Amino acid sequence: MSIPDPKGVRAALREAIQNQIAANDPAETKETLDRLIAGGFAEEDVWRLLSAVLTVELATILRESRPFSLDAYVKALKALPDLPLDE
């Protein structure tokens, strides 16, 4: 198995988040983006934080062999800038 290209992974995460924002599903993704930017975070840092939340949820899905948890994902978005790994 080859190691994924980090730039490709970042691009895929960003695309997934952009799709969430465009579809307003979940609405909390856009709300979190707006909240953090209004709170003084640089836009690129906000994208990194959103990507981290999605990455943690995807890793949990794989580790626990469970479906996507919208509740856990939204909870993690609302907790930003605290990351799920900070708990």
PDB file of N, CA and C in Angstrom:
ATOM      1  N   MET A   1       0.853  -1.183   0.000  1.00  0.00           N
ATOM      2  CA  MET A   1       0.000   0.000   0.000  1.00  0.00           C
ATOM      3  C   MET A   1       0.891   1.235   0.000  1.00  0.00           C
ATOM      4  N   SER A   2       0.605   2.169  -0.875  1.00  0.00           N
ATOM      5  CA  SER A   2       1.416   3.376  -0.962  1.00  0.00           C
ATOM      6  C   SER A   2       0.891   4.444  -0.005  1.00  0.00           C
ATOM      7  N   ILE A   3       1.772   5.349   0.343  1.00  0.00           N
ATOM      8  CA  ILE A   3       1.417   6.458   1.233  1.00  0.00           C
ATOM      9  C   ILE A   3       0.701   7.524   0.404  1.00  0.00           C
ATOM     10  N   PRO A   4      -0.469   7.992   0.865  1.00  0.00           N
ATOM     11  CA  PRO A   4      -1.191   9.016   0.105  1.00  0.00           C
ATOM     12  C   PRO A   4      -0.408  10.327   0.040  1.00  0.00           C
ATOM     13  N   ASP A   5      -0.595  11.023  -1.050  1.00  0.00           N
ATOM     14  CA  ASP A   5       0.027  12.329  -1.244  1.00  0.00           C
ATOM     15  C   ASP A   5      -0.651  13.339  -0.309  1.00  0.00           C
ATOM     16  N   PRO A   6       0.091  13.977   0.602  1.00  0.00           N
ATOM     17  CA  PRO A   6      -0.530  14.921   1.541  1.00  0.00           C
ATOM     18  C   PRO A   6      -1.310  16.044   0.858  1.00  0.00           C
ATOM     19  N   LYS A   7      -0.792  16.545  -0.257  1.00  0.00           N
ATOM     20  CA  LYS A   7      -1.498  17.612  -0.972  1.00  0.00           C
ATOM     21  C   LYS A   7      -2.829  17.104  -1.516  1.00  0.00           C
ATOM     22  N   GLY A   8      -2.830  15.881  -2.000  1.00  0.00           N
ATOM     23  CA  GLY A   8      -4.059  15.289  -2.503  1.00  0.00           C
ATOM     24  C   GLY A   8      -5.079  15.067  -1.396  1.00  0.00           C
ATOM     25  N   VAL A   9      -4.600  14.646  -0.239  1.00  0.00           N
ATOM     26  CA  VAL A   9      -5.491  14.440   0.912  1.00  0.00           C
ATOM     27  C   VAL A   9      -6.093  15.773   1.336  1.00  0.00           C
ATOM     28  N   ARG A  10      -5.259  16.799   1.438  1.00  0.00           N
ATOM     29  CA  ARG A  10      -5.761  18.131   1.820  1.00  0.00           C
ATOM     30  C   ARG A  10      -6.796  18.628   0.817  1.00  0.00           C
ATOM     31  N   ALA A  11      -6.517  18.417  -0.462  1.00  0.00           N
ATOM     32  CA  ALA A  11      -7.447  18.864  -1.508  1.00  0.00           C
ATOM     33  C   ALA A  11      -8.774  18.113  -1.411  1.00  0.00           C
ATOM     34  N   ALA A  12      -8.714  16.820  -1.139  1.00  0.00           N
ATOM     35  CA  ALA A  12      -9.942  16.028  -1.020  1.00  0.00           C
ATOM     36  C   ALA A  12     -10.757  16.450   0.194  1.00  0.00           C
ATOM     37  N   LEU A  13     -10.091  16.719   1.305  1.00  0.00           N
ATOM     38  CA  LEU A  13     -10.793  17.182   2.506  1.00  0.00           C
ATOM     39  C   LEU A  13     -11.452  18.538   2.248  1.00  0.00           C
ATOM     40  N   ARG A  14     -10.699  19.428   1.626  1.00  0.00           N
ATOM     41  CA  ARG A  14     -11.248  20.758   1.343  1.00  0.00           C
ATOM     42  C   ARG A  14     -12.448  20.664   0.406  1.00  0.00           C
ATOM     43  N   GLU A  15     -12.348  19.805  -0.601  1.00  0.00           N
ATOM     44  CA  GLU A  15     -13.464  19.631  -1.531  1.00  0.00           C
ATOM     45  C   GLU A  15     -14.698  19.088  -0.796  1.00  0.00           C
ATOM     46  N   ALA A  16     -14.497  18.129   0.094  1.00  0.00           N
ATOM     47  CA  ALA A  16     -15.624  17.581   0.850  1.00  0.00           C
ATOM     48  C   ALA A  16     -16.274  18.662   1.708  1.00  0.00           C
ATOM     49  N   ILE A  17     -15.461  19.493   2.325  1.00  0.00           N
ATOM     50  CA  ILE A  17     -15.996  20.572   3.170  1.00  0.00           C
ATOM     51  C   ILE A  17     -16.699  21.620   2.309  1.00  0.00           C
ATOM     52  N   GLN A  18     -16.116  21.957   1.173  1.00  0.00           N
ATOM     53  CA  GLN A  18     -16.761  22.905   0.255  1.00  0.00           C
ATOM     54  C   GLN A  18     -18.117  22.367  -0.206  1.00  0.00           C
ATOM     55  N   ASN A  19     -18.187  21.067  -0.452  1.00  0.00           N
ATOM     56  CA  ASN A  19     -19.461  20.455  -0.841  1.00  0.00           C
ATOM     57  C   ASN A  19     -20.487  20.556   0.287  1.00  0.00           C
ATOM     58  N   GLN A  20     -20.044  20.368   1.524  1.00  0.00           N
ATOM     59  CA  GLN A  20     -20.945  20.516   2.668  1.00  0.00           C
ATOM     60  C   GLN A  20     -21.485  21.938   2.729  1.00  0.00           C
ATOM     61  N   ILE A  21     -20.603  22.904   2.527  1.00  0.00           N
ATOM     62  CA  ILE A  21     -21.008  24.309   2.588  1.00  0.00           C
ATOM     63  C   ILE A  21     -21.978  24.631   1.449  1.00  0.00           C
ATOM     64  N   ALA A  22     -21.674  24.165   0.249  1.00  0.00           N
ATOM     65  CA  ALA A  22     -22.527  24.444  -0.907  1.00  0.00           C
ATOM     66  C   ALA A  22     -23.922  23.827  -0.734  1.00  0.00           C
ATOM     67  N   ALA A  23     -23.963  22.645  -0.141  1.00  0.00           N
ATOM     68  CA  ALA A  23     -25.245  21.952   0.061  1.00  0.00           C
ATOM     69  C   ALA A  23     -25.931  22.374   1.357  1.00  0.00           C
ATOM     70  N   ASN A  24     -25.213  23.146   2.180  1.00  0.00           N
ATOM     71  CA  ASN A  24     -25.690  23.529   3.509  1.00  0.00           C
ATOM     72  C   ASN A  24     -26.066  22.283   4.318  1.00  0.00           C
ATOM     73  N   ASP A  25     -25.202  21.265   4.201  1.00  0.00           N
ATOM     74  CA  ASP A  25     -25.451  19.983   4.856  1.00  0.00           C
ATOM     75  C   ASP A  25     -24.159  19.380   5.354  1.00  0.00           C
ATOM     76  N   PRO A  26     -23.858  19.479   6.616  1.00  0.00           N
ATOM     77  CA  PRO A  26     -24.684  20.109   7.641  1.00  0.00           C
ATOM     78  C   PRO A  26     -24.476  21.623   7.663  1.00  0.00           C
ATOM     79  N   ALA A  27     -25.496  22.327   8.068  1.00  0.00           N
ATOM     80  CA  ALA A  27     -25.435  23.799   8.131  1.00  0.00           C
ATOM     81  C   ALA A  27     -24.339  24.262   9.078  1.00  0.00           C
ATOM     82  N   GLU A  28     -24.011  23.447  10.054  1.00  0.00           N
ATOM     83  CA  GLU A  28     -23.005  23.819  11.059  1.00  0.00           C
ATOM     84  C   GLU A  28     -21.613  23.988  10.464  1.00  0.00           C
ATOM     85  N   THR A  29     -21.359  23.387   9.311  1.00  0.00           N
ATOM     86  CA  THR A  29     -20.040  23.566   8.685  1.00  0.00           C
ATOM     87  C   THR A  29     -19.840  25.026   8.304  1.00  0.00           C
ATOM     88  N   LYS A  30     -20.800  25.598   7.596  1.00  0.00           N
ATOM     89  CA  LYS A  30     -20.713  27.019   7.198  1.00  0.00           C
ATOM     90  C   LYS A  30     -20.787  27.924   8.419  1.00  0.00           C
ATOM     91  N   GLU A  31     -21.646  27.584   9.363  1.00  0.00           N
ATOM     92  CA  GLU A  31     -21.753  28.384  10.583  1.00  0.00           C
ATOM     93  C   GLU A  31     -20.420  28.425  11.315  1.00  0.00           C
ATOM     94  N   THR A  32     -19.733  27.295  11.364  1.00  0.00           N
ATOM     95  CA  THR A  32     -18.440  27.227  12.051  1.00  0.00           C
ATOM     96  C   THR A  32     -17.390  28.022  11.295  1.00  0.00           C
ATOM     97  N   LEU A  33     -17.364  27.901   9.980  1.00  0.00           N
ATOM     98  CA  LEU A  33     -16.436  28.682   9.163  1.00  0.00           C
ATOM     99  C   LEU A  33     -16.624  30.170   9.439  1.00  0.00           C
ATOM    100  N   ASP A  34     -17.865  30.625   9.377  1.00  0.00           N
ATOM    101  CA  ASP A  34     -18.161  32.043   9.595  1.00  0.00           C
ATOM    102  C   ASP A  34     -17.817  32.480  11.022  1.00  0.00           C
ATOM    103  N   ARG A  35     -18.143  31.646  11.993  1.00  0.00           N
ATOM    104  CA  ARG A  35     -17.893  31.984  13.408  1.00  0.00           C
ATOM    105  C   ARG A  35     -16.401  32.150  13.680  1.00  0.00           C
ATOM    106  N   LEU A  36     -15.609  31.231  13.159  1.00  0.00           N
ATOM    107  CA  LEU A  36     -14.171  31.296  13.430  1.00  0.00           C
ATOM    108  C   LEU A  36     -13.514  32.471  12.716  1.00  0.00           C
ATOM    109  N   ILE A  37     -13.925  32.749  11.476  1.00  0.00           N
ATOM    110  CA  ILE A  37     -13.373  33.898  10.761  1.00  0.00           C
ATOM    111  C   ILE A  37     -13.774  35.189  11.473  1.00  0.00           C
ATOM    112  N   ALA A  38     -15.033  35.280  11.898  1.00  0.00           N
ATOM    113  CA  ALA A  38     -15.487  36.468  12.643  1.00  0.00           C
ATOM    114  C   ALA A  38     -14.746  36.597  13.971  1.00  0.00           C
ATOM    115  N   GLY A  39     -14.287  35.462  14.506  1.00  0.00           N
ATOM    116  CA  GLY A  39     -13.551  35.464  15.770  1.00  0.00           C
ATOM    117  C   GLY A  39     -12.080  35.791  15.613  1.00  0.00           C
ATOM    118  N   GLY A  40     -11.653  36.068  14.387  1.00  0.00           N
ATOM    119  CA  GLY A  40     -10.284  36.513  14.175  1.00  0.00           C
ATOM    120  C   GLY A  40      -9.324  35.470  13.633  1.00  0.00           C
ATOM    121  N   PHE A  41      -9.809  34.273  13.367  1.00  0.00           N
ATOM    122  CA  PHE A  41      -8.934  33.251  12.798  1.00  0.00           C
ATOM    123  C   PHE A  41      -8.716  33.528  11.316  1.00  0.00           C
ATOM    124  N   ALA A  42      -7.502  33.278  10.863  1.00  0.00           N
ATOM    125  CA  ALA A  42      -7.192  33.400   9.439  1.00  0.00           C
ATOM    126  C   ALA A  42      -7.958  32.312   8.688  1.00  0.00           C
ATOM    127  N   GLU A  43      -8.412  32.648   7.491  1.00  0.00           N
ATOM    128  CA  GLU A  43      -9.234  31.707   6.730  1.00  0.00           C
ATOM    129  C   GLU A  43      -8.528  30.369   6.511  1.00  0.00           C
ATOM    130  N   GLU A  44      -7.250  30.393   6.200  1.00  0.00           N
ATOM    131  CA  GLU A  44      -6.531  29.135   5.970  1.00  0.00           C
ATOM    132  C   GLU A  44      -6.460  28.293   7.242  1.00  0.00           C
ATOM    133  N   ASP A  45      -6.333  28.954   8.395  1.00  0.00           N
ATOM    134  CA  ASP A  45      -6.343  28.220   9.664  1.00  0.00           C
ATOM    135  C   ASP A  45      -7.709  27.589   9.922  1.00  0.00           C
ATOM    136  N   VAL A  46      -8.758  28.285   9.537  1.00  0.00           N
ATOM    137  CA  VAL A  46     -10.115  27.746   9.709  1.00  0.00           C
ATOM    138  C   VAL A  46     -10.276  26.501   8.842  1.00  0.00           C
ATOM    139  N   TRP A  47      -9.794  26.543   7.607  1.00  0.00           N
ATOM    140  CA  TRP A  47      -9.871  25.368   6.746  1.00  0.00           C
ATOM    141  C   TRP A  47      -9.110  24.200   7.350  1.00  0.00           C
ATOM    142  N   ARG A  48      -7.976  24.478   7.976  1.00  0.00           N
ATOM    143  CA  ARG A  48      -7.209  23.410   8.631  1.00  0.00           C
ATOM    144  C   ARG A  48      -7.998  22.810   9.792  1.00  0.00           C
ATOM    145  N   LEU A  49      -8.644  23.659  10.576  1.00  0.00           N
ATOM    146  CA  LEU A  49      -9.445  23.174  11.696  1.00  0.00           C
ATOM    147  C   LEU A  49     -10.627  22.331  11.212  1.00  0.00           C
ATOM    148  N   LEU A  50     -11.330  22.804  10.189  1.00  0.00           N
ATOM    149  CA  LEU A  50     -12.447  22.041   9.637  1.00  0.00           C
ATOM    150  C   LEU A  50     -11.959  20.698   9.086  1.00  0.00           C
ATOM    151  N   SER A  51     -10.820  20.716   8.431  1.00  0.00           N
ATOM    152  CA  SER A  51     -10.246  19.482   7.891  1.00  0.00           C
ATOM    153  C   SER A  51      -9.866  18.515   9.003  1.00  0.00           C
ATOM    154  N   ALA A  52      -9.365  19.050  10.105  1.00  0.00           N
ATOM    155  CA  ALA A  52      -8.990  18.197  11.229  1.00  0.00           C
ATOM    156  C   ALA A  52     -10.218  17.489  11.799  1.00  0.00           C
ATOM    157  N   VAL A  53     -11.324  18.206  11.916  1.00  0.00           N
ATOM    158  CA  VAL A  53     -12.551  17.597  12.434  1.00  0.00           C
ATOM    159  C   VAL A  53     -13.019  16.478  11.499  1.00  0.00           C
ATOM    160  N   LEU A  54     -13.005  16.737  10.202  1.00  0.00           N
ATOM    161  CA  LEU A  54     -13.425  15.717   9.248  1.00  0.00           C
ATOM    162  C   LEU A  54     -12.478  14.521   9.289  1.00  0.00           C
ATOM    163  N   THR A  55     -11.194  14.776   9.396  1.00  0.00           N
ATOM    164  CA  THR A  55     -10.206  13.701   9.459  1.00  0.00           C
ATOM    165  C   THR A  55     -10.428  12.816  10.678  1.00  0.00           C
ATOM    166  N   VAL A  56     -10.681  13.436  11.824  1.00  0.00           N
ATOM    167  CA  VAL A  56     -10.921  12.655  13.044  1.00  0.00           C
ATOM    168  C   VAL A  56     -12.170  11.794  12.890  1.00  0.00           C
ATOM    169  N   GLU A  57     -13.228  12.352  12.319  1.00  0.00           N
ATOM    170  CA  GLU A  57     -14.449  11.573  12.120  1.00  0.00           C
ATOM    171  C   GLU A  57     -14.193  10.408  11.162  1.00  0.00           C
ATOM    172  N   LEU A  58     -13.473  10.653  10.076  1.00  0.00           N
ATOM    173  CA  LEU A  58     -13.166   9.577   9.128  1.00  0.00           C
ATOM    174  C   LEU A  58     -12.299   8.500   9.774  1.00  0.00           C
ATOM    175  N   ALA A  59     -11.322   8.901  10.562  1.00  0.00           N
ATOM    176  CA  ALA A  59     -10.461   7.931  11.245  1.00  0.00           C
ATOM    177  C   ALA A  59     -11.267   7.098  12.248  1.00  0.00           C
ATOM    178  N   THR A  60     -12.204   7.737  12.926  1.00  0.00           N
ATOM    179  CA  THR A  60     -13.045   7.025  13.887  1.00  0.00           C
ATOM    180  C   THR A  60     -13.936   6.017  13.169  1.00  0.00           C
ATOM    181  N   ILE A  61     -14.470   6.392  12.030  1.00  0.00           N
ATOM    182  CA  ILE A  61     -15.287   5.476  11.228  1.00  0.00           C
ATOM    183  C   ILE A  61     -14.482   4.217  10.892  1.00  0.00           C
ATOM    184  N   LEU A  62     -13.262   4.409  10.454  1.00  0.00           N
ATOM    185  CA  LEU A  62     -12.413   3.276  10.084  1.00  0.00           C
ATOM    186  C   LEU A  62     -12.011   2.451  11.298  1.00  0.00           C
ATOM    187  N   ARG A  63     -11.612   3.123  12.369  1.00  0.00           N
ATOM    188  CA  ARG A  63     -11.143   2.434  13.572  1.00  0.00           C
ATOM    189  C   ARG A  63     -12.251   1.624  14.230  1.00  0.00           C
ATOM    190  N   GLU A  64     -13.455   2.204  14.284  1.00  0.00           N
ATOM    191  CA  GLU A  64     -14.553   1.570  14.992  1.00  0.00           C
ATOM    192  C   GLU A  64     -15.502   0.806  14.068  1.00  0.00           C
ATOM    193  N   SER A  65     -15.228   0.828  12.775  1.00  0.00           N
ATOM    194  CA  SER A  65     -16.099   0.169  11.790  1.00  0.00           C
ATOM    195  C   SER A  65     -17.562   0.551  12.001  1.00  0.00           C
ATOM    196  N   ARG A  66     -17.798   1.847  12.047  1.00  0.00           N
ATOM    197  CA  ARG A  66     -19.152   2.346  12.258  1.00  0.00           C
ATOM    198  C   ARG A  66     -19.495   3.354  11.181  1.00  0.00           C
ATOM    199  N   PRO A  67     -20.793   3.636  11.002  1.00  0.00           N
ATOM    200  CA  PRO A  67     -21.169   4.649  10.008  1.00  0.00           C
ATOM    201  C   PRO A  67     -20.835   6.065  10.490  1.00  0.00           C
ATOM    202  N   PHE A  68     -20.897   6.993   9.570  1.00  0.00           N
ATOM    203  CA  PHE A  68     -20.696   8.410   9.880  1.00  0.00           C
ATOM    204  C   PHE A  68     -21.681   8.843  10.954  1.00  0.00           C
ATOM    205  N   SER A  69     -21.184   9.588  11.940  1.00  0.00           N
ATOM    206  CA  SER A  69     -22.041  10.106  13.006  1.00  0.00           C
ATOM    207  C   SER A  69     -22.192  11.609  12.842  1.00  0.00           C
ATOM    208  N   LEU A  70     -23.344  12.018  12.342  1.00  0.00           N
ATOM    209  CA  LEU A  70     -23.600  13.441  12.183  1.00  0.00           C
ATOM    210  C   LEU A  70     -23.543  14.142  13.539  1.00  0.00           C
ATOM    211  N   ASP A  71     -24.075  13.511  14.575  1.00  0.00           N
ATOM    212  CA  ASP A  71     -24.059  14.119  15.909  1.00  0.00           C
ATOM    213  C   ASP A  71     -22.637  14.380  16.393  1.00  0.00           C
ATOM    214  N   ALA A  72     -21.760  13.402  16.249  1.00  0.00           N
ATOM    215  CA  ALA A  72     -20.366  13.566  16.686  1.00  0.00           C
ATOM    216  C   ALA A  72     -19.662  14.628  15.849  1.00  0.00           C
ATOM    217  N   TYR A  73     -19.928  14.632  14.557  1.00  0.00           N
ATOM    218  CA  TYR A  73     -19.296  15.593  13.657  1.00  0.00           C
ATOM    219  C   TYR A  73     -19.726  17.020  14.001  1.00  0.00           C
ATOM    220  N   VAL A  74     -21.013  17.223  14.180  1.00  0.00           N
ATOM    221  CA  VAL A  74     -21.528  18.563  14.509  1.00  0.00           C
ATOM    222  C   VAL A  74     -21.018  19.001  15.877  1.00  0.00           C
ATOM    223  N   LYS A  75     -20.976  18.083  16.827  1.00  0.00           N
ATOM    224  CA  LYS A  75     -20.456  18.413  18.161  1.00  0.00           C
ATOM    225  C   LYS A  75     -19.002  18.892  18.054  1.00  0.00           C
ATOM    226  N   ALA A  76     -18.215  18.208  17.239  1.00  0.00           N
ATOM    227  CA  ALA A  76     -16.811  18.594  17.062  1.00  0.00           C
ATOM    228  C   ALA A  76     -16.691  19.945  16.355  1.00  0.00           C
ATOM    229  N   LEU A  77     -17.557  20.199  15.373  1.00  0.00           N
ATOM    230  CA  LEU A  77     -17.544  21.507  14.707  1.00  0.00           C
ATOM    231  C   LEU A  77     -17.854  22.618  15.702  1.00  0.00           C
ATOM    232  N   LYS A  78     -18.861  22.409  16.525  1.00  0.00           N
ATOM    233  CA  LYS A  78     -19.262  23.435  17.491  1.00  0.00           C
ATOM    234  C   LYS A  78     -18.201  23.674  18.554  1.00  0.00           C
ATOM    235  N   ALA A  79     -17.359  22.671  18.804  1.00  0.00           N
ATOM    236  CA  ALA A  79     -16.305  22.798  19.818  1.00  0.00           C
ATOM    237  C   ALA A  79     -15.080  23.553  19.301  1.00  0.00           C
ATOM    238  N   LEU A  80     -14.964  23.700  17.975  1.00  0.00           N
ATOM    239  CA  LEU A  80     -13.799  24.411  17.440  1.00  0.00           C
ATOM    240  C   LEU A  80     -13.721  25.821  17.989  1.00  0.00           C
ATOM    241  N   PRO A  81     -12.536  26.312  18.327  1.00  0.00           N
ATOM    242  CA  PRO A  81     -11.222  25.858  17.874  1.00  0.00           C
ATOM    243  C   PRO A  81     -10.621  24.719  18.683  1.00  0.00           C
ATOM    244  N   ASP A  82     -11.316  24.208  19.695  1.00  0.00           N
ATOM    245  CA  ASP A  82     -10.809  23.035  20.395  1.00  0.00           C
ATOM    246  C   ASP A  82     -10.991  21.831  19.490  1.00  0.00           C
ATOM    247  N   LEU A  83      -9.926  21.085  19.298  1.00  0.00           N
ATOM    248  CA  LEU A  83      -9.974  19.932  18.406  1.00  0.00           C
ATOM    249  C   LEU A  83     -10.434  18.688  19.157  1.00  0.00           C
ATOM    250  N   PRO A  84     -11.040  17.741  18.436  1.00  0.00           N
ATOM    251  CA  PRO A  84     -11.508  16.512  19.083  1.00  0.00           C
ATOM    252  C   PRO A  84     -10.401  15.777  19.805  1.00  0.00           C
ATOM    253  N   LEU A  85      -9.175  15.888  19.337  1.00  0.00           N
ATOM    254  CA  LEU A  85      -8.055  15.194  19.980  1.00  0.00           C
ATOM    255  C   LEU A  85      -7.623  15.869  21.276  1.00  0.00           C
ATOM    256  N   ASP A  86      -8.113  17.081  21.527  1.00  0.00           N
ATOM    257  CA  ASP A  86      -7.756  17.813  22.736  1.00  0.00           C
ATOM    258  C   ASP A  86      -8.471  17.277  23.970  1.00  0.00           C
ATOM    259  N   GLU A  87      -9.472  16.414  23.775  1.00  0.00           N
ATOM    260  CA  GLU A  87     -10.267  15.925  24.905  1.00  0.00           C
ATOM    261  C   GLU A  87      -9.525  14.936  25.748  1.00  0.00           C
TER     262      GLU A  87
END
